[in-house]
Protein backbone atom coordinates (compact mmCIF):
# COMPACT_ATOMS: atom_id res chain seq x y z
CA MET A 1 3.40 -27.44 4.59
CA ILE A 2 2.99 -26.96 8.44
CA LEU A 3 5.05 -24.27 10.26
CA LEU A 4 4.64 -24.28 13.99
CA PHE A 5 5.88 -20.95 15.88
CA GLU A 6 6.45 -21.65 19.70
CA ARG A 7 7.67 -19.78 22.57
CA GLY A 8 6.96 -16.14 21.57
CA LYS A 9 4.94 -13.09 22.43
CA ILE A 10 1.75 -13.56 20.16
CA ALA A 11 -0.24 -10.31 19.35
CA ASP A 12 -2.40 -8.63 17.00
CA PHE A 13 -4.08 -5.39 16.85
CA PHE A 14 -7.42 -6.70 17.28
CA GLY A 15 -6.95 -7.62 21.08
CA THR A 16 -4.95 -10.96 20.75
CA PHE A 17 -2.11 -11.05 23.27
CA PHE A 18 -0.13 -14.04 24.69
CA GLU A 19 2.92 -13.50 26.81
CA VAL A 20 3.93 -16.84 25.74
CA GLY A 21 2.19 -18.64 22.76
CA TYR A 22 2.13 -20.40 19.56
CA VAL A 23 0.82 -20.11 16.09
CA VAL A 24 0.19 -23.26 13.66
CA VAL A 25 0.13 -22.45 9.84
CA GLU A 26 -1.03 -25.06 7.50
CA GLY A 27 -0.76 -23.97 3.62
CA GLU A 28 -1.92 -20.54 3.40
CA ARG A 29 -3.81 -20.09 6.62
CA ILE A 30 -3.47 -20.08 10.27
CA ALA A 31 -4.58 -23.34 11.83
CA ALA A 32 -4.58 -22.73 15.33
CA VAL A 33 -2.94 -19.92 17.94
CA GLY A 34 -3.06 -20.33 21.71
CA PRO A 35 -1.41 -19.57 24.85
CA GLY A 36 1.52 -21.58 26.55
CA PRO A 37 3.25 -24.85 25.13
CA ALA A 38 2.83 -25.68 21.35
CA PRO A 39 0.75 -28.85 20.83
CA ASP A 40 2.31 -31.77 18.98
CA ALA A 41 2.07 -31.27 15.31
CA PRO A 42 3.45 -34.21 13.34
CA GLY A 43 5.40 -33.46 10.32
CA ALA A 44 5.58 -29.57 11.34
CA THR A 45 8.56 -27.26 10.99
CA ARG A 46 9.07 -26.11 14.51
CA ILE A 47 10.54 -22.53 14.55
CA ASP A 48 11.78 -21.27 18.25
CA LEU A 49 10.78 -17.56 18.64
CA GLU A 50 12.95 -17.30 21.61
CA GLY A 51 10.43 -14.66 23.09
CA ARG A 52 10.17 -12.59 19.76
CA LEU A 53 7.21 -10.98 18.97
CA LEU A 54 4.78 -12.46 16.39
CA THR A 55 2.13 -10.24 14.54
CA PRO A 56 0.35 -10.28 11.42
CA SER A 57 2.35 -8.94 8.47
CA LEU A 58 1.43 -5.31 7.18
CA VAL A 59 -0.52 -4.31 4.17
CA ASN A 60 0.41 -0.83 2.10
CA ALA A 61 -2.71 0.46 0.70
CA HIS A 62 -1.05 2.71 -1.81
CA ALA A 63 2.34 2.24 -3.24
CA HIS A 64 4.03 3.35 -6.63
CA LEU A 65 6.82 0.49 -7.07
CA TYR A 66 7.72 2.51 -10.34
CA SER A 67 9.34 5.16 -8.09
CA SER A 68 11.94 2.22 -6.46
CA LEU A 69 14.65 3.77 -8.96
CA ALA A 70 14.26 7.41 -8.21
CA ARG A 71 16.46 7.27 -5.14
CA GLY A 72 19.34 9.71 -5.63
CA ILE A 73 18.18 10.56 -9.17
CA PRO A 74 20.15 13.63 -10.50
CA LEU A 75 17.85 16.07 -12.14
CA LYS A 76 18.92 19.00 -14.40
CA VAL A 77 15.82 21.09 -13.00
CA PHE A 78 14.12 20.61 -9.98
CA SER A 79 12.93 24.02 -8.62
CA PRO A 80 9.19 23.34 -8.07
CA THR A 81 6.98 25.93 -6.47
CA ARG A 82 3.64 24.03 -6.46
CA PHE A 83 2.59 20.52 -6.65
CA GLY A 84 2.01 20.49 -10.19
CA GLU A 85 5.62 21.45 -11.01
CA ILE A 86 6.95 18.17 -8.84
CA LEU A 87 4.84 15.93 -11.43
CA GLU A 88 6.37 18.00 -14.26
CA GLN A 89 9.92 18.09 -13.30
CA LEU A 90 10.27 14.59 -11.70
CA TRP A 91 7.62 12.01 -11.76
CA TRP A 92 6.26 12.48 -15.13
CA LYS A 93 9.98 12.54 -16.54
CA LEU A 94 10.73 9.29 -14.47
CA ASP A 95 7.16 7.27 -15.59
CA ARG A 96 8.00 8.35 -19.36
CA ALA A 97 11.67 7.18 -19.58
CA LEU A 98 10.51 3.58 -17.92
CA ASP A 99 10.81 0.86 -20.41
CA LEU A 100 9.42 -2.81 -19.52
CA ASP A 101 13.03 -3.77 -18.29
CA GLY A 102 13.18 -0.63 -15.98
CA VAL A 103 9.46 -1.43 -14.71
CA TYR A 104 10.56 -5.12 -13.85
CA HIS A 105 13.62 -3.90 -11.83
CA SER A 106 12.05 -1.39 -9.91
CA ALA A 107 9.09 -3.55 -9.12
CA ARG A 108 11.27 -6.20 -7.90
CA VAL A 109 13.32 -4.01 -5.67
CA GLY A 110 10.58 -2.16 -4.28
CA ALA A 111 8.93 -5.62 -3.59
CA LEU A 112 11.93 -6.53 -1.60
CA ASP A 113 12.01 -3.28 0.08
CA HIS A 114 8.59 -3.81 1.30
CA LEU A 115 9.50 -7.59 2.57
CA HIS A 116 12.23 -5.87 4.58
CA THR A 117 9.52 -3.86 6.37
CA GLY A 118 7.35 -6.32 7.18
CA VAL A 119 4.75 -5.82 4.35
CA THR A 120 3.45 -8.77 2.39
CA VAL A 121 0.67 -7.13 0.52
CA VAL A 122 1.12 -4.03 -1.69
CA ILE A 123 -1.75 -2.30 -3.67
CA ASP A 124 0.11 -0.66 -6.27
CA HIS A 125 -0.78 2.30 -8.80
CA HIS A 126 1.45 2.06 -12.07
CA ALA A 127 2.43 4.38 -14.83
CA SER A 128 4.99 3.92 -17.63
CA PRO A 129 3.68 5.66 -20.41
CA SER A 130 6.33 4.65 -23.11
CA ALA A 131 5.78 0.92 -21.97
CA ILE A 132 2.04 0.46 -21.23
CA GLU A 133 1.31 -2.59 -22.70
CA GLY A 134 2.28 -5.48 -20.55
CA SER A 135 3.68 -3.54 -17.52
CA LEU A 136 1.34 -5.13 -15.19
CA GLY A 137 2.46 -8.46 -16.17
CA ALA A 138 6.03 -7.16 -15.68
CA ILE A 139 5.28 -5.96 -12.22
CA LYS A 140 3.21 -9.18 -11.41
CA ARG A 141 6.29 -11.34 -12.36
CA ALA A 142 9.01 -9.19 -10.30
CA VAL A 143 6.53 -9.59 -7.03
CA ALA A 144 5.88 -13.07 -7.60
CA GLU A 145 9.60 -13.76 -7.57
CA VAL A 146 9.91 -12.30 -3.95
CA GLY A 147 6.82 -13.89 -2.87
CA LEU A 148 4.47 -10.97 -1.93
CA ARG A 149 0.67 -10.47 -2.97
CA ALA A 150 -0.21 -7.51 -4.96
CA ASP A 151 -3.45 -5.55 -6.02
CA LEU A 152 -2.28 -3.89 -9.43
CA CYS A 153 -3.60 -1.19 -11.84
CA TYR A 154 -2.24 0.84 -14.60
CA GLU A 155 -2.70 4.73 -14.25
CA VAL A 156 -5.15 5.78 -17.14
CA THR A 157 -4.59 9.65 -18.00
CA ASP A 158 -5.20 11.98 -20.92
CA ARG A 159 -2.03 13.56 -20.59
CA GLY A 160 -0.13 11.57 -23.37
CA GLY A 161 -3.02 11.58 -25.79
CA LEU A 162 -5.82 9.48 -26.80
CA ARG A 163 -3.65 6.65 -28.00
CA GLU A 164 -2.09 6.31 -24.33
CA ARG A 165 -5.07 6.55 -22.71
CA ASP A 166 -6.88 3.88 -24.60
CA LEU A 167 -3.65 1.60 -24.04
CA GLY A 168 -4.08 2.34 -20.49
CA LEU A 169 -7.45 1.15 -20.36
CA LYS A 170 -6.55 -2.05 -22.23
CA GLU A 171 -3.74 -2.94 -19.51
CA ASN A 172 -6.16 -2.53 -17.07
CA ILE A 173 -8.64 -4.92 -18.61
CA ARG A 174 -5.86 -7.43 -19.95
CA PHE A 175 -4.39 -7.79 -16.53
CA ALA A 176 -7.87 -8.17 -15.00
CA GLN A 177 -9.20 -11.03 -17.53
CA GLU A 178 -5.65 -12.95 -18.13
CA GLU A 179 -3.60 -12.36 -15.07
CA ALA A 180 -5.42 -11.58 -11.74
CA ASP A 181 -6.47 -14.55 -9.69
CA GLY A 182 -7.89 -13.00 -6.75
CA LYS A 183 -5.93 -14.93 -4.55
CA ARG A 184 -2.18 -13.39 -5.08
CA PHE A 185 -2.71 -10.82 -7.69
CA SER A 186 -5.87 -8.87 -7.84
CA ALA A 187 -6.84 -5.73 -10.05
CA HIS A 188 -8.45 -2.37 -10.29
CA MET A 189 -9.31 0.10 -12.74
CA GLY A 190 -6.36 2.61 -12.56
CA LEU A 191 -7.03 6.26 -12.80
CA HIS A 192 -4.49 9.25 -12.51
CA ALA A 193 -6.47 12.05 -10.78
CA SER A 194 -9.64 14.34 -12.06
CA PHE A 195 -7.49 17.05 -13.56
CA THR A 196 -5.73 14.86 -16.14
CA LEU A 197 -9.16 12.92 -16.88
CA SER A 198 -11.89 14.42 -19.31
CA ASP A 199 -15.60 13.29 -18.85
CA GLU A 200 -15.31 10.99 -22.20
CA THR A 201 -12.33 9.13 -20.29
CA LEU A 202 -14.05 8.97 -17.02
CA ALA A 203 -17.25 7.37 -18.95
CA LYS A 204 -14.93 5.08 -20.93
CA ALA A 205 -13.19 3.83 -17.69
CA ALA A 206 -16.13 3.22 -15.98
CA ALA A 207 -18.02 1.21 -18.98
CA ALA A 208 -14.84 -0.81 -19.20
CA ALA A 209 -14.97 -1.52 -15.32
CA GLU A 210 -18.36 -2.30 -15.00
CA PRO A 211 -18.79 -5.95 -16.57
CA LEU A 212 -15.29 -6.95 -14.87
CA GLY A 213 -16.51 -5.77 -11.60
CA LEU A 214 -13.36 -3.58 -11.04
CA ALA A 215 -13.53 -0.89 -8.52
CA PHE A 216 -10.98 2.15 -9.08
CA HIS A 217 -7.62 3.41 -7.81
CA THR A 218 -7.22 7.26 -8.12
CA HIS A 219 -5.63 10.27 -6.67
CA LEU A 220 -8.15 12.49 -5.16
CA ALA A 221 -7.45 16.20 -4.56
CA GLU A 222 -4.21 15.94 -3.63
CA GLY A 223 -2.93 19.32 -5.14
CA LYS A 224 -5.09 22.36 -5.52
CA GLU A 225 -4.78 21.63 -9.35
CA ASP A 226 -7.55 18.88 -8.76
CA PRO A 227 -10.34 21.09 -7.35
CA THR A 228 -9.61 24.16 -9.29
CA ASP A 229 -9.92 21.91 -12.52
CA ALA A 230 -13.09 20.18 -11.43
CA LEU A 231 -14.57 23.58 -10.56
CA GLN A 232 -13.59 25.56 -13.52
CA LYS A 233 -14.36 23.02 -16.21
CA TYR A 234 -17.31 21.09 -14.92
CA GLY A 235 -18.55 23.02 -12.08
CA LEU A 236 -18.42 20.22 -9.72
CA ARG A 237 -16.01 19.55 -6.53
CA THR A 238 -13.24 16.69 -7.41
CA ALA A 239 -15.25 14.00 -5.27
CA GLU A 240 -18.58 14.96 -6.59
CA ARG A 241 -17.30 14.80 -10.30
CA LEU A 242 -16.20 11.05 -9.53
CA ASP A 243 -19.23 10.46 -8.06
CA LYS A 244 -21.11 11.70 -11.05
CA PHE A 245 -19.69 9.04 -13.20
CA GLY A 246 -20.24 6.32 -10.37
CA LEU A 247 -16.85 5.62 -9.57
CA LEU A 248 -17.14 5.81 -5.68
CA THR A 249 -18.04 2.10 -5.51
CA PRO A 250 -17.01 -0.52 -2.95
CA GLY A 251 -13.59 -1.28 -3.25
CA THR A 252 -12.44 2.02 -4.85
CA LEU A 253 -9.45 3.64 -3.45
CA LEU A 254 -9.51 7.47 -3.39
CA ILE A 255 -5.67 8.44 -2.46
CA HIS A 256 -4.85 11.87 -0.54
CA GLY A 257 -8.12 13.30 -0.20
CA ILE A 258 -6.69 16.65 1.26
CA HIS A 259 -8.58 19.56 -0.65
CA LEU A 260 -11.99 18.27 0.16
CA SER A 261 -15.02 20.60 1.28
CA GLN A 262 -17.23 19.39 4.01
CA ALA A 263 -19.86 18.70 1.41
CA GLU A 264 -17.25 16.29 -0.13
CA LEU A 265 -16.57 14.55 3.11
CA ASP A 266 -20.27 14.12 3.67
CA LEU A 267 -20.65 12.39 0.37
CA LEU A 268 -17.72 10.06 0.85
CA ALA A 269 -19.04 9.22 4.26
CA ALA A 270 -22.49 8.13 2.46
CA ARG A 271 -20.36 6.03 -0.33
CA PRO A 272 -18.66 2.66 0.33
CA ALA A 273 -15.18 3.78 -1.36
CA SER A 274 -11.96 4.43 1.05
CA VAL A 275 -9.82 7.39 1.10
CA VAL A 276 -6.31 6.26 1.80
CA HIS A 277 -3.95 8.61 3.89
CA ASN A 278 -0.21 9.08 2.80
CA PRO A 279 1.23 11.74 5.47
CA ARG A 280 4.54 11.71 4.53
CA SER A 281 4.29 12.16 0.99
CA ASN A 282 1.85 14.85 1.51
CA MET A 283 4.43 16.72 3.82
CA ASN A 284 7.18 16.03 1.40
CA ASN A 285 5.27 17.42 -1.49
CA ALA A 286 3.86 20.33 0.74
CA VAL A 287 0.27 19.70 -0.61
CA GLY A 288 -1.35 19.90 3.16
CA ALA A 289 -2.79 17.68 5.58
CA ALA A 290 -5.86 15.55 5.02
CA GLN A 291 -8.71 16.12 7.55
CA ILE A 292 -8.56 12.59 8.74
CA SER A 293 -10.20 12.85 12.35
CA ALA A 294 -13.10 15.04 10.63
CA MET A 295 -13.50 12.42 8.11
CA MET A 296 -13.35 9.49 10.67
CA ALA A 297 -16.10 11.33 12.79
CA LYS A 298 -18.27 11.61 9.74
CA GLY A 299 -17.94 7.89 8.89
CA VAL A 300 -15.50 8.02 5.97
CA LYS A 301 -13.39 4.98 5.60
CA VAL A 302 -9.71 5.67 5.95
CA ALA A 303 -6.79 3.60 5.26
CA LEU A 304 -3.04 4.31 5.16
CA GLY A 305 -0.39 4.12 2.24
CA THR A 306 3.19 5.29 1.68
CA ASP A 307 2.57 6.88 -1.95
CA GLY A 308 5.77 5.49 -3.05
CA PHE A 309 7.57 7.42 -0.39
CA GLY A 310 9.47 4.33 0.86
CA THR A 311 7.74 1.03 2.25
CA ASP A 312 7.82 1.66 6.00
CA MET A 313 4.09 1.41 7.05
CA ILE A 314 4.84 1.63 10.95
CA GLY A 315 6.55 4.82 10.27
CA GLU A 316 3.89 6.07 8.16
CA LEU A 317 1.32 5.37 11.07
CA LEU A 318 3.51 7.46 13.37
CA ALA A 319 3.82 10.32 10.79
CA ALA A 320 -0.30 10.23 10.31
CA ARG A 321 -0.50 10.83 14.14
CA LEU A 322 2.25 13.30 14.08
CA LEU A 323 1.08 15.50 11.16
CA ALA A 324 -2.42 15.53 12.78
CA HIS A 325 -0.89 16.83 16.02
CA HIS A 326 1.04 19.47 14.17
CA ALA A 327 -2.12 20.47 11.80
CA THR A 328 -4.59 20.89 14.43
CA GLY A 329 -2.31 22.04 17.17
CA LEU A 330 -3.57 19.32 19.40
CA PRO A 331 -1.64 16.68 20.97
CA THR A 332 -4.86 14.54 21.68
CA THR A 333 -5.63 14.37 17.73
CA LEU A 334 -5.87 10.79 16.20
CA PRO A 335 -5.72 8.91 19.46
CA ASP A 336 -5.27 5.08 19.56
CA PRO A 337 -8.76 4.04 18.56
CA GLU A 338 -8.75 6.15 15.39
CA LEU A 339 -5.10 5.24 14.57
CA LEU A 340 -6.12 1.44 15.22
CA ALA A 341 -9.22 1.89 12.94
CA ILE A 342 -6.94 3.02 10.11
CA PHE A 343 -4.52 0.35 10.38
CA ARG A 344 -7.38 -2.29 10.46
CA ARG A 345 -8.93 -0.94 7.44
CA ASN A 346 -5.78 -1.83 5.43
CA TYR A 347 -6.61 -5.53 6.65
CA GLU A 348 -9.95 -5.12 5.43
CA LEU A 349 -8.96 -4.02 1.95
CA ALA A 350 -6.52 -7.06 1.65
CA GLU A 351 -9.68 -9.14 2.54
CA ARG A 352 -11.79 -7.63 -0.10
CA PHE A 353 -9.11 -8.00 -2.76
CA PHE A 354 -7.69 -11.27 -2.09
CA GLY A 355 -10.61 -13.16 -0.62
CA LEU A 356 -9.56 -14.35 2.91
CA PRO A 357 -9.52 -12.49 6.20
CA PHE A 358 -6.07 -10.66 7.26
CA GLY A 359 -5.05 -9.20 10.44
CA LYS A 360 -5.96 -11.40 13.33
CA LEU A 361 -4.12 -14.35 14.43
CA ALA A 362 -7.10 -16.77 14.68
CA SER A 363 -7.83 -19.91 12.88
CA GLY A 364 -8.67 -19.40 9.07
CA PHE A 365 -6.96 -16.04 8.75
CA ALA A 366 -4.08 -15.50 6.46
CA ALA A 367 -0.57 -16.83 7.18
CA ASP A 368 0.93 -13.58 6.39
CA LEU A 369 3.14 -13.00 9.52
CA VAL A 370 6.15 -11.00 10.97
CA VAL A 371 8.44 -12.27 13.88
CA TRP A 372 9.81 -8.94 15.09
CA ASP A 373 13.55 -8.77 16.51
CA TYR A 374 12.19 -6.64 19.57
CA ASN A 375 13.66 -6.65 22.99
CA PRO A 376 12.35 -3.62 24.70
CA PRO A 377 13.16 -2.20 27.94
CA THR A 378 9.56 -1.99 29.00
CA PRO A 379 6.66 -4.69 29.53
CA VAL A 380 4.55 -5.32 26.30
CA HIS A 381 0.73 -6.26 26.62
CA ALA A 382 -2.58 -6.03 24.68
CA GLY A 383 -2.99 -2.28 25.86
CA ASN A 384 0.47 -0.72 24.99
CA LEU A 385 0.90 -2.83 21.93
CA LEU A 386 0.29 0.30 19.61
CA GLY A 387 2.77 2.55 21.73
CA HIS A 388 5.50 -0.23 21.45
CA PHE A 389 5.25 -0.30 17.51
CA LEU A 390 5.30 3.32 17.14
CA PHE A 391 7.97 4.32 19.67
CA GLY A 392 10.09 1.07 19.53
CA HIS A 393 10.08 1.50 15.79
CA ILE A 394 11.75 5.31 16.39
CA SER A 395 14.32 3.76 18.34
CA GLY A 396 15.25 1.33 15.91
CA GLY A 397 14.64 -1.48 17.99
CA LEU A 398 11.69 -2.88 15.71
CA ARG A 399 12.96 -4.98 13.07
CA PRO A 400 11.62 -7.80 10.98
CA TYR A 401 13.56 -11.26 12.06
CA LEU A 402 11.52 -13.41 10.03
CA VAL A 403 8.55 -12.79 7.46
CA VAL A 404 5.83 -15.19 6.27
CA GLY A 405 3.69 -14.88 3.30
CA GLN A 406 1.14 -17.08 1.97
CA GLY A 407 2.16 -19.49 4.69
CA ARG A 408 5.86 -19.58 3.18
CA VAL A 409 9.05 -18.19 4.96
CA LEU A 410 10.03 -15.12 2.70
CA LEU A 411 12.73 -13.77 4.86
CA ARG A 412 14.75 -15.40 7.84
CA ASN A 413 17.13 -13.53 10.20
CA GLY A 414 16.81 -10.41 8.07
CA GLN A 415 17.95 -12.63 4.90
CA VAL A 416 15.51 -12.75 2.04
CA GLU A 417 14.93 -16.50 1.18
CA THR A 418 13.16 -16.22 -2.07
CA VAL A 419 15.67 -14.60 -4.11
CA ASP A 420 19.32 -13.78 -4.06
CA GLU A 421 19.44 -9.96 -3.25
CA LYS A 422 22.86 -8.98 -4.32
CA PRO A 423 22.14 -9.93 -8.13
CA VAL A 424 19.01 -7.99 -7.85
CA LEU A 425 20.34 -4.94 -6.56
CA ASP A 426 23.38 -5.19 -8.78
CA GLN A 427 20.76 -5.27 -11.76
CA ALA A 428 18.63 -2.64 -10.26
CA ARG A 429 21.54 -0.16 -10.05
CA ALA A 430 22.30 -0.82 -14.22
CA ALA A 431 18.84 -0.31 -14.74
CA ALA A 432 18.77 2.91 -12.66
CA GLN A 433 21.73 4.17 -14.65
CA ARG A 434 19.90 3.39 -18.14
CA LEU A 435 16.74 5.17 -16.62
CA TRP A 436 18.49 8.30 -15.31
CA SER A 437 20.42 8.68 -18.76
CA LYS A 438 17.01 9.33 -20.20
CA ILE A 439 15.67 12.10 -17.79
């Protein structure tokens, strides 16, 4: 299939900008990009952008699709005073109540929410301790229906006992061997967090991941529970403990990284793993602010995720800046070059996990694109594109009009083309009622 987008503003976050230009897509890759009138393209489906802004689509470097059915959940008890109590009173009850049907429906509506915000690549971290076997397959099926790419893993933890731990390890292995194709679906070895993982479990996970070439996807020092547990039980800081087991490998995702020492930042700078920042979740959970500028100054690789706190990556990018301003008291913290570096790291991760380049409008790059219905009151150019994204988004003026994933139109004029959204939402509401009744 050949798609030809013409008469639009063409831009990416690597410096490409044409006031009027075109993009040609052949299969799952961009074939040509340029300024001015579109070339002849026999057999192409021509799409007139009518001046709209076309950019690469977005990547969420840390999601929890299983949280999708938690919106509005009535809890009998919810009065946490620390992060661990949030887990105990909400998330650990929710994930244990999930069955495979709930896993599927939460993933499907979560994928739809991502699509509506211009995200076509989701790096997910899953937990459903009452329905471990086949859970990643259920997520894959749901995400595939919507048309997104996803990197999946199951959260290995000791909190449910050795049987559940071993089932989690097996589900990661099974998915990596049987269902991850490295093109539309890729795999990690999922781990919850150091404070719910024994030395034996970390050793088992490392041994299981090594022959498959799997990197790790784990929470790191999100709450104070993590460093306290690591120091009291093992005499190591959290990142040091993970490094002891060889987990800080290329492709490893370390989520949050809030309660880290300067020595740990130096360690992370010397390792190829990435820290994934989730500012709005961190603010909501009152766990603190990660030292993002300090990390980047040392050379730590930083990406951006939502942690299941919605799917809005542009809003998350703005929140990263605002939280940095608030935490440091300096309105110049996290300037444009640093913020863009975080954004670009998400694309680099997508390339590592799916085997083709993302994020640029150039020949050979992934045909994952968004056309934004955006009519700003001020000029747009290469130097102010980031500002338009951040503040056009605040005003409600930046909305996906059309989304392309894997060279295929997934959403047009705000309407999903891959699935009928109404019955999907009806089924999700029924699944949510069943889920809530167990909590």
